[in-house]
Amino acid sequence: MKQKTRVRNIPLVIHIDPVGVVMLRKTCRLCVVCEMLVAHRAEIEQLADGLVQAKAEKREYVVLGTLGTKTWRRGLSGSVTVQELVLEVFRPDSTTTLVFEDGSAAARPDDHHK
């Protein structure tokens, strides 16, 4: 059975060298069956390029995970500590998988994403 993904605005936590940790509410597609997020690599790389002053040939960034909406909103006002951020991103119940879609075939673990 084929399941369609749903478009959602998901708060992502990204570490970009040499900037540091960035919280970004990004439009992604979400498979509600297996909790896989699909994001466009080019859009995240464009963000990384905008934040890094010196243009490097190779972008150094890693998507650490997702945040709850309440934590993301608190983070916008600067009222989230690094410890809270780490606990939220690396929470034990987090099962979401992020897959990039960059024009080539995206890695899909199950055939219900076709």
N, C-alpha and C. Protein backbone atom coordinates (compact mmCIF):
# COMPACT_ATOMS: atom_id res chain seq x y z
N MET A 1 0.84 -1.18 0.00
CA MET A 1 0.00 0.00 0.00
C MET A 1 0.88 1.24 0.00
N LYS A 2 0.59 2.17 -0.89
CA LYS A 2 1.37 3.39 -0.99
C LYS A 2 0.78 4.46 -0.07
N GLN A 3 1.64 5.11 0.70
CA GLN A 3 1.23 6.20 1.58
C GLN A 3 1.85 7.49 1.09
N LYS A 4 1.09 8.55 1.06
CA LYS A 4 1.62 9.84 0.65
C LYS A 4 2.22 10.54 1.86
N THR A 5 3.21 11.34 1.57
CA THR A 5 3.79 12.14 2.63
C THR A 5 2.98 13.42 2.79
N ARG A 6 3.09 14.03 3.95
CA ARG A 6 2.37 15.27 4.23
C ARG A 6 3.38 16.38 4.45
N VAL A 7 3.06 17.56 3.98
CA VAL A 7 3.94 18.71 4.14
C VAL A 7 3.76 19.26 5.55
N ARG A 8 4.87 19.46 6.26
CA ARG A 8 4.86 19.97 7.62
C ARG A 8 6.01 20.95 7.80
N ASN A 9 5.81 21.95 8.65
CA ASN A 9 6.89 22.83 9.07
C ASN A 9 7.49 22.24 10.33
N ILE A 10 8.71 21.73 10.22
CA ILE A 10 9.35 21.01 11.32
C ILE A 10 10.54 21.83 11.83
N PRO A 11 10.62 22.10 13.12
CA PRO A 11 11.81 22.77 13.66
C PRO A 11 13.01 21.81 13.65
N LEU A 12 14.04 22.16 12.88
CA LEU A 12 15.26 21.36 12.80
C LEU A 12 16.38 22.05 13.57
N VAL A 13 17.29 21.26 14.10
CA VAL A 13 18.50 21.78 14.73
C VAL A 13 19.67 21.36 13.86
N ILE A 14 20.42 22.36 13.38
CA ILE A 14 21.51 22.11 12.45
C ILE A 14 22.78 22.73 13.01
N HIS A 15 23.88 21.99 12.97
CA HIS A 15 25.18 22.56 13.34
C HIS A 15 25.91 22.89 12.05
N ILE A 16 26.28 24.17 11.91
CA ILE A 16 26.98 24.64 10.72
C ILE A 16 28.34 25.17 11.15
N ASP A 17 29.42 24.64 10.56
CA ASP A 17 30.76 25.17 10.84
C ASP A 17 30.99 26.41 10.02
N PRO A 18 31.54 27.45 10.53
CA PRO A 18 31.97 27.72 11.90
C PRO A 18 30.92 28.46 12.71
N VAL A 19 29.68 28.55 12.24
CA VAL A 19 28.63 29.34 12.88
C VAL A 19 28.21 28.75 14.22
N GLY A 20 27.94 27.46 14.26
CA GLY A 20 27.45 26.80 15.47
C GLY A 20 26.07 26.22 15.24
N VAL A 21 25.30 26.14 16.31
CA VAL A 21 23.97 25.52 16.25
C VAL A 21 22.94 26.53 15.78
N VAL A 22 22.11 26.10 14.82
CA VAL A 22 21.06 26.95 14.26
C VAL A 22 19.74 26.19 14.38
N MET A 23 18.70 26.89 14.84
CA MET A 23 17.35 26.32 14.85
C MET A 23 16.61 26.88 13.65
N LEU A 24 16.02 26.01 12.87
CA LEU A 24 15.36 26.41 11.63
C LEU A 24 14.04 25.68 11.50
N ARG A 25 12.98 26.42 11.31
CA ARG A 25 11.69 25.79 11.04
C ARG A 25 11.60 25.61 9.53
N LYS A 26 11.70 24.38 9.09
CA LYS A 26 11.87 24.05 7.68
C LYS A 26 10.66 23.28 7.18
N THR A 27 10.21 23.62 5.98
CA THR A 27 9.14 22.87 5.35
C THR A 27 9.71 21.56 4.82
N CYS A 28 9.19 20.46 5.33
CA CYS A 28 9.63 19.12 4.94
C CYS A 28 8.39 18.29 4.63
N ARG A 29 8.63 17.17 3.98
CA ARG A 29 7.56 16.19 3.81
C ARG A 29 7.74 15.14 4.89
N LEU A 30 6.65 14.73 5.50
CA LEU A 30 6.67 13.77 6.59
C LEU A 30 5.83 12.56 6.25
N CYS A 31 6.43 11.39 6.34
CA CYS A 31 5.68 10.15 6.22
C CYS A 31 5.17 9.80 7.61
N VAL A 32 3.87 9.80 7.80
CA VAL A 32 3.31 9.54 9.12
C VAL A 32 3.40 8.07 9.52
N VAL A 33 3.64 7.19 8.55
CA VAL A 33 3.75 5.77 8.85
C VAL A 33 5.07 5.46 9.55
N CYS A 34 6.17 5.94 8.98
CA CYS A 34 7.50 5.60 9.54
C CYS A 34 8.24 6.80 10.12
N GLU A 35 7.59 7.99 10.15
CA GLU A 35 8.17 9.22 10.69
C GLU A 35 9.46 9.63 9.99
N MET A 36 9.51 9.43 8.68
CA MET A 36 10.67 9.86 7.91
C MET A 36 10.40 11.26 7.38
N LEU A 37 11.38 12.17 7.57
CA LEU A 37 11.31 13.51 7.02
C LEU A 37 12.10 13.56 5.72
N VAL A 38 11.58 14.28 4.75
CA VAL A 38 12.30 14.48 3.49
C VAL A 38 12.50 15.98 3.34
N ALA A 39 13.77 16.40 3.24
CA ALA A 39 14.11 17.81 3.08
C ALA A 39 14.96 17.99 1.83
N HIS A 40 14.90 19.15 1.24
CA HIS A 40 15.72 19.43 0.07
C HIS A 40 17.11 19.87 0.50
N ARG A 41 18.10 19.11 0.10
CA ARG A 41 19.50 19.40 0.45
C ARG A 41 19.90 20.80 -0.02
N ALA A 42 19.50 21.19 -1.22
CA ALA A 42 19.89 22.49 -1.77
C ALA A 42 19.39 23.65 -0.90
N GLU A 43 18.20 23.52 -0.34
CA GLU A 43 17.66 24.58 0.52
C GLU A 43 18.46 24.71 1.81
N ILE A 44 18.84 23.60 2.40
CA ILE A 44 19.65 23.66 3.62
C ILE A 44 21.04 24.18 3.32
N GLU A 45 21.61 23.78 2.19
CA GLU A 45 22.93 24.28 1.81
C GLU A 45 22.89 25.77 1.50
N GLN A 46 21.79 26.26 0.93
CA GLN A 46 21.65 27.69 0.68
C GLN A 46 21.63 28.45 2.00
N LEU A 47 20.95 27.92 3.00
CA LEU A 47 20.94 28.52 4.32
C LEU A 47 22.35 28.55 4.90
N ALA A 48 23.05 27.43 4.79
CA ALA A 48 24.42 27.36 5.31
C ALA A 48 25.32 28.38 4.62
N ASP A 49 25.18 28.51 3.31
CA ASP A 49 25.97 29.50 2.57
C ASP A 49 25.68 30.92 3.04
N GLY A 50 24.43 31.20 3.34
CA GLY A 50 24.05 32.54 3.80
C GLY A 50 24.60 32.88 5.17
N LEU A 51 24.81 31.88 6.00
CA LEU A 51 25.31 32.12 7.35
C LEU A 51 26.82 32.14 7.45
N VAL A 52 27.48 31.48 6.53
CA VAL A 52 28.94 31.40 6.56
C VAL A 52 29.50 32.55 5.72
N GLN A 53 30.36 33.37 6.36
CA GLN A 53 30.94 34.53 5.67
C GLN A 53 31.85 34.11 4.53
N ALA A 54 32.80 33.24 4.82
CA ALA A 54 33.75 32.80 3.80
C ALA A 54 33.13 31.64 3.03
N LYS A 55 33.12 31.74 1.73
CA LYS A 55 32.56 30.66 0.91
C LYS A 55 33.58 29.53 0.83
N ALA A 56 33.19 28.40 1.32
CA ALA A 56 34.05 27.22 1.26
C ALA A 56 33.51 26.32 0.15
N GLU A 57 34.40 25.56 -0.45
CA GLU A 57 33.95 24.64 -1.50
C GLU A 57 33.05 23.56 -0.92
N LYS A 58 33.40 23.08 0.25
CA LYS A 58 32.63 22.02 0.89
C LYS A 58 31.91 22.59 2.10
N ARG A 59 30.58 22.45 2.11
CA ARG A 59 29.80 22.92 3.25
C ARG A 59 29.92 21.92 4.38
N GLU A 60 30.20 22.42 5.55
CA GLU A 60 30.29 21.55 6.72
C GLU A 60 29.09 21.81 7.61
N TYR A 61 28.13 20.89 7.59
CA TYR A 61 26.97 21.01 8.45
C TYR A 61 26.43 19.61 8.74
N VAL A 62 25.67 19.51 9.80
CA VAL A 62 25.01 18.26 10.13
C VAL A 62 23.66 18.59 10.78
N VAL A 63 22.62 17.91 10.32
CA VAL A 63 21.30 18.06 10.92
C VAL A 63 21.28 17.16 12.15
N LEU A 64 21.18 17.78 13.33
CA LEU A 64 21.24 17.03 14.58
C LEU A 64 19.92 16.35 14.91
N GLY A 65 18.82 16.99 14.58
CA GLY A 65 17.53 16.40 14.89
C GLY A 65 16.41 17.42 14.82
N THR A 66 15.30 17.09 15.45
CA THR A 66 14.13 17.96 15.45
C THR A 66 13.85 18.47 16.85
N LEU A 67 13.08 19.54 16.90
CA LEU A 67 12.64 20.12 18.18
C LEU A 67 11.13 20.12 18.23
N GLY A 68 10.60 20.15 19.43
CA GLY A 68 9.18 20.39 19.60
C GLY A 68 8.90 21.85 19.31
N THR A 69 7.69 22.16 18.87
CA THR A 69 7.34 23.53 18.51
C THR A 69 7.48 24.48 19.69
N LYS A 70 7.08 24.05 20.88
CA LYS A 70 7.19 24.92 22.07
C LYS A 70 8.65 25.26 22.37
N THR A 71 9.53 24.29 22.27
CA THR A 71 10.95 24.53 22.52
C THR A 71 11.51 25.46 21.46
N TRP A 72 11.13 25.27 20.21
CA TRP A 72 11.59 26.13 19.13
C TRP A 72 11.16 27.58 19.37
N ARG A 73 9.90 27.78 19.76
CA ARG A 73 9.41 29.15 20.04
C ARG A 73 10.17 29.78 21.19
N ARG A 74 10.41 29.02 22.24
CA ARG A 74 11.19 29.55 23.37
C ARG A 74 12.61 29.88 22.92
N GLY A 75 13.15 29.07 22.00
CA GLY A 75 14.50 29.32 21.49
C GLY A 75 14.60 30.62 20.72
N LEU A 76 13.52 31.01 20.05
CA LEU A 76 13.52 32.27 19.31
C LEU A 76 13.71 33.47 20.23
N SER A 77 13.20 33.36 21.44
CA SER A 77 13.35 34.46 22.40
C SER A 77 14.62 34.32 23.22
N GLY A 78 15.39 33.26 22.98
CA GLY A 78 16.65 33.08 23.70
C GLY A 78 16.50 32.48 25.09
N SER A 79 15.33 31.89 25.38
CA SER A 79 15.11 31.36 26.72
C SER A 79 15.30 29.85 26.82
N VAL A 80 16.00 29.24 25.85
CA VAL A 80 16.30 27.82 25.89
C VAL A 80 17.80 27.66 26.14
N THR A 81 18.14 26.86 27.14
CA THR A 81 19.55 26.63 27.42
C THR A 81 20.09 25.55 26.48
N VAL A 82 21.40 25.49 26.37
CA VAL A 82 22.03 24.46 25.55
C VAL A 82 21.67 23.08 26.08
N GLN A 83 21.62 22.93 27.39
CA GLN A 83 21.27 21.64 27.98
C GLN A 83 19.86 21.22 27.57
N GLU A 84 18.90 22.14 27.62
CA GLU A 84 17.53 21.82 27.20
C GLU A 84 17.49 21.44 25.72
N LEU A 85 18.25 22.15 24.92
CA LEU A 85 18.30 21.88 23.49
C LEU A 85 18.82 20.47 23.22
N VAL A 86 19.91 20.11 23.89
CA VAL A 86 20.50 18.78 23.72
C VAL A 86 19.53 17.70 24.18
N LEU A 87 18.89 17.91 25.31
CA LEU A 87 17.94 16.91 25.82
C LEU A 87 16.75 16.74 24.88
N GLU A 88 16.31 17.83 24.27
CA GLU A 88 15.18 17.75 23.34
C GLU A 88 15.57 17.05 22.04
N VAL A 89 16.71 17.41 21.49
CA VAL A 89 17.13 16.84 20.20
C VAL A 89 17.46 15.36 20.33
N PHE A 90 18.11 14.98 21.43
CA PHE A 90 18.53 13.59 21.60
C PHE A 90 17.63 12.83 22.56
N ARG A 91 16.34 13.18 22.58
CA ARG A 91 15.40 12.49 23.47
C ARG A 91 15.25 11.03 23.04
N PRO A 92 15.06 10.15 24.01
CA PRO A 92 15.00 8.71 23.69
C PRO A 92 13.84 8.31 22.80
N ASP A 93 12.73 9.05 22.82
CA ASP A 93 11.56 8.65 22.02
C ASP A 93 11.62 9.19 20.60
N SER A 94 12.70 9.86 20.23
CA SER A 94 12.82 10.41 18.88
C SER A 94 13.17 9.30 17.90
N THR A 95 12.27 9.06 16.94
CA THR A 95 12.49 8.00 15.95
C THR A 95 12.48 8.54 14.53
N THR A 96 12.45 9.86 14.38
CA THR A 96 12.37 10.46 13.06
C THR A 96 13.67 10.29 12.30
N THR A 97 13.58 9.93 11.03
CA THR A 97 14.73 9.80 10.15
C THR A 97 14.65 10.89 9.10
N LEU A 98 15.78 11.58 8.85
CA LEU A 98 15.81 12.64 7.84
C LEU A 98 16.50 12.12 6.59
N VAL A 99 15.84 12.31 5.45
CA VAL A 99 16.39 11.90 4.16
C VAL A 99 16.40 13.13 3.27
N PHE A 100 17.50 13.36 2.56
CA PHE A 100 17.58 14.48 1.64
C PHE A 100 17.09 14.09 0.28
N GLU A 101 16.41 15.00 -0.35
CA GLU A 101 15.98 14.80 -1.73
C GLU A 101 16.66 15.89 -2.55
N ASP A 102 17.65 15.51 -3.33
CA ASP A 102 18.45 16.50 -4.06
C ASP A 102 18.40 16.30 -5.57
N GLY A 103 17.32 15.75 -6.04
CA GLY A 103 17.18 15.55 -7.47
C GLY A 103 17.51 14.13 -7.89
N SER A 104 18.39 13.47 -7.17
CA SER A 104 18.68 12.06 -7.46
C SER A 104 17.69 11.21 -6.66
N ALA A 105 17.78 9.92 -6.84
CA ALA A 105 16.86 9.03 -6.11
C ALA A 105 17.11 9.15 -4.62
N ALA A 106 16.08 9.50 -3.87
CA ALA A 106 16.21 9.60 -2.42
C ALA A 106 16.20 8.21 -1.82
N ALA A 107 16.96 8.02 -0.78
CA ALA A 107 16.99 6.72 -0.09
C ALA A 107 15.68 6.54 0.64
N ARG A 108 15.02 5.46 0.35
CA ARG A 108 13.74 5.19 1.00
C ARG A 108 13.77 3.76 1.54
N PRO A 109 13.60 3.62 2.85
CA PRO A 109 13.70 2.29 3.42
C PRO A 109 12.57 1.35 3.07
N ASP A 110 11.38 1.89 2.80
CA ASP A 110 10.23 1.04 2.49
C ASP A 110 9.62 1.46 1.16
N ASP A 111 8.90 0.55 0.54
CA ASP A 111 8.30 0.90 -0.74
C ASP A 111 7.01 1.70 -0.61
N HIS A 112 6.51 1.94 0.60
CA HIS A 112 5.28 2.70 0.72
C HIS A 112 5.48 4.21 0.51
N HIS A 113 6.73 4.65 0.23
CA HIS A 113 7.01 6.05 -0.03
C HIS A 113 6.99 6.39 -1.51
N LYS A 114 6.79 5.42 -2.35
CA LYS A 114 6.84 5.65 -3.79
C LYS A 114 5.64 6.40 -4.28
